[in-house]
Amino acid sequence: MADTKEIRYAIMNGISFGSAKKENDDKEKVRTKARKKGYHTGAHGSASARHKAEIRQRVKKRQSQKKR
């Protein structure tokens, strides 16, 4: 059971039930141009990425899209 000091503190300041703060894992998540290029070319194996890459290739090959 909590003592009166803890109960008073909880009444005056409130109780926070938020989750614990997570450590910053940005060092592990490295975004590189190589990964982005792999997505654009459909190289990483995702069906949607392959489909989008195929569409990009078709658009690129259109006569209206070629540089003059």
Protein backbone atom coordinates (compact mmCIF):
# COMPACT_ATOMS: atom_id res chain seq x y z
CA MET A 1 0.00 0.00 0.00
CA ALA A 2 1.21 3.51 -0.77
CA ASP A 3 2.08 5.88 2.05
CA THR A 4 0.38 9.24 2.48
CA LYS A 5 3.26 11.12 0.84
CA GLU A 6 2.85 9.18 -2.41
CA ILE A 7 -0.92 9.56 -2.34
CA ARG A 8 -0.63 13.34 -1.82
CA TYR A 9 1.90 13.59 -4.67
CA ALA A 10 -0.44 11.65 -6.97
CA ILE A 11 -3.40 13.87 -6.06
CA MET A 12 -1.46 17.11 -6.51
CA ASN A 13 0.56 16.21 -9.64
CA GLY A 14 -1.54 13.53 -11.27
CA ILE A 15 -0.60 10.10 -12.51
CA SER A 16 0.89 9.57 -15.93
CA PHE A 17 0.20 6.24 -17.59
CA GLY A 18 2.20 6.96 -20.76
CA SER A 19 4.54 4.41 -22.24
CA ALA A 20 8.22 4.45 -21.49
CA LYS A 21 10.31 6.53 -23.84
CA LYS A 22 12.07 4.48 -26.48
CA GLU A 23 15.68 4.98 -27.40
CA ASN A 24 16.32 6.73 -30.67
CA ASP A 25 17.01 4.00 -33.24
CA ASP A 26 17.85 6.38 -36.10
CA LYS A 27 21.37 4.97 -36.26
CA GLU A 28 20.04 1.57 -37.31
CA LYS A 29 17.58 2.96 -39.86
CA VAL A 30 19.84 4.26 -42.60
CA ARG A 31 18.07 5.56 -45.68
CA THR A 32 20.36 5.47 -48.66
CA LYS A 33 20.02 6.42 -52.27
CA ALA A 34 20.93 2.86 -53.16
CA ARG A 35 17.79 1.56 -51.44
CA LYS A 36 15.70 4.23 -53.10
CA LYS A 37 17.17 3.34 -56.48
CA GLY A 38 16.43 -0.32 -55.83
CA TYR A 39 12.83 0.58 -55.18
CA HIS A 40 12.57 2.72 -58.31
CA THR A 41 13.97 -0.05 -60.49
CA GLY A 42 11.86 -2.73 -58.80
CA ALA A 43 14.99 -4.59 -57.75
CA HIS A 44 14.00 -5.32 -54.17
CA GLY A 45 11.29 -7.80 -55.15
CA SER A 46 8.10 -6.08 -54.09
CA ALA A 47 5.33 -6.63 -56.60
CA SER A 48 4.12 -3.05 -56.33
CA ALA A 49 7.66 -1.73 -56.81
CA ARG A 50 8.12 -3.89 -59.91
CA HIS A 51 4.79 -2.71 -61.28
CA LYS A 52 5.59 0.95 -60.66
CA ALA A 53 9.06 0.52 -62.18
CA GLU A 54 7.47 -1.04 -65.26
CA ILE A 55 5.10 1.93 -65.58
CA ARG A 56 8.04 4.36 -65.21
CA GLN A 57 9.89 2.54 -67.98
CA ARG A 58 6.88 2.72 -70.30
CA VAL A 59 6.45 6.44 -69.60
CA LYS A 60 10.15 7.01 -70.22
CA LYS A 61 9.98 5.24 -73.60
CA ARG A 62 7.04 7.34 -74.85
CA GLN A 63 7.88 9.57 -77.75
CA SER A 64 6.35 12.57 -75.99
CA GLN A 65 8.62 12.08 -72.96
CA LYS A 66 11.91 11.90 -74.85
CA LYS A 67 14.19 14.92 -74.75
CA ARG A 68 14.61 16.72 -78.03
